[in-house]
């Protein structure tokens, strides 16, 4: 999993590559482990692109974005530089 445009602003893009079609659960956590946002999407085999426009509410700081499927769990740290 990769965040395109990290550090993020109010909009960014997540790219995740999978072997099989499956449901993906995205979870956004602050550095204290508090869940801030969760969403679900369907993914196809190969590269999948998800535009995300919900980062505007985040304060400046570091966060962890997780993507969970039936086959794997991905985590990436992201940085929000401006409010």
Protein backbone atom coordinates (compact mmCIF):
# COMPACT_ATOMS: atom_id res chain seq x y z
CA UNK A 1 0.00 0.00 0.00
CA UNK A 2 1.24 3.46 -0.84
CA UNK A 3 -0.04 6.97 -0.21
CA UNK A 4 0.56 9.14 -3.25
CA UNK A 5 1.21 12.63 -2.00
CA UNK A 6 2.68 12.01 1.46
CA UNK A 7 2.81 14.41 3.31
CA UNK A 8 -0.91 14.74 2.66
CA UNK A 9 -3.07 17.80 2.32
CA UNK A 10 -6.85 17.68 2.33
CA UNK A 11 -6.80 15.31 -0.69
CA UNK A 12 -4.58 12.36 -1.44
CA UNK A 13 -4.61 9.00 -3.19
CA UNK A 14 -4.05 5.51 -1.81
CA UNK A 15 -2.75 2.74 -4.07
CA UNK A 16 -3.03 -0.88 -3.04
CA UNK A 17 -2.07 -3.92 -5.14
CA UNK A 18 -3.82 -7.23 -4.54
CA UNK A 19 -3.65 -10.71 -6.04
CA UNK A 20 -7.38 -11.50 -5.80
CA UNK A 21 -10.64 -9.55 -5.78
CA UNK A 22 -11.66 -8.76 -2.22
CA UNK A 23 -13.17 -6.24 0.15
CA UNK A 24 -10.78 -3.71 1.71
CA UNK A 25 -11.38 -1.97 5.04
CA UNK A 26 -9.46 1.27 5.45
CA UNK A 27 -8.88 2.63 8.96
CA UNK A 28 -7.22 5.88 9.94
CA UNK A 29 -5.64 6.16 13.41
CA UNK A 30 -3.94 8.97 15.28
CA UNK A 31 -0.60 8.24 16.96
CA UNK A 32 -2.39 7.36 20.22
CA UNK A 33 -4.24 4.54 18.46
CA UNK A 34 -7.61 6.30 18.35
CA UNK A 35 -9.71 5.35 15.32
CA UNK A 36 -10.58 8.53 13.42
CA UNK A 37 -12.19 7.21 10.26
CA UNK A 38 -13.15 3.91 8.67
CA UNK A 39 -14.40 3.05 5.19
CA UNK A 40 -14.83 -0.03 3.03
CA UNK A 41 -14.30 -0.63 -0.68
CA UNK A 42 -14.10 -3.45 -3.18
CA UNK A 43 -10.77 -4.16 -4.86
CA UNK A 44 -9.90 -5.95 -8.09
CA UNK A 45 -6.77 -8.01 -8.76
CA UNK A 46 -3.81 -5.74 -9.56
CA UNK A 47 -3.37 -2.07 -8.69
CA UNK A 48 -6.34 -0.25 -7.14
CA UNK A 49 -6.48 3.53 -6.70
CA UNK A 50 -8.65 5.20 -4.05
CA UNK A 51 -8.89 9.00 -4.04
CA UNK A 52 -9.34 10.28 -0.51
CA UNK A 53 -10.71 13.75 0.13
CA UNK A 54 -11.38 13.41 3.84
CA UNK A 55 -8.01 14.48 5.23
CA UNK A 56 -9.07 18.12 5.55
CA UNK A 57 -10.42 17.56 9.07
CA UNK A 58 -7.05 16.29 10.34
CA UNK A 59 -4.83 18.46 12.47
CA UNK A 60 -1.16 18.76 11.61
CA UNK A 61 0.67 15.59 12.72
CA UNK A 62 1.35 11.92 12.05
CA UNK A 63 -1.26 9.23 11.44
CA UNK A 64 -1.42 5.56 10.51
CA UNK A 65 -3.55 4.33 7.63
CA UNK A 66 -4.40 0.61 7.62
CA UNK A 67 -5.88 -1.47 4.82
CA UNK A 68 -7.23 -4.85 5.90
CA UNK A 69 -8.30 -7.62 3.51
CA UNK A 70 -9.08 -11.28 4.01
CA UNK A 71 -5.51 -12.08 2.93
CA UNK A 72 -3.34 -9.28 4.31
CA UNK A 73 -3.03 -6.24 6.56
CA UNK A 74 -1.12 -3.18 5.35
CA UNK A 75 -0.08 -0.14 7.38
CA UNK A 76 1.56 3.08 6.31
CA UNK A 77 2.44 6.17 8.29
CA UNK A 78 1.32 9.46 6.85
CA UNK A 79 2.09 13.05 7.74
CA UNK A 80 -0.26 16.03 7.57
CA UNK A 81 1.79 19.24 7.41
CA UNK A 82 -0.89 21.93 7.32
CA UNK A 83 -4.34 22.34 8.70
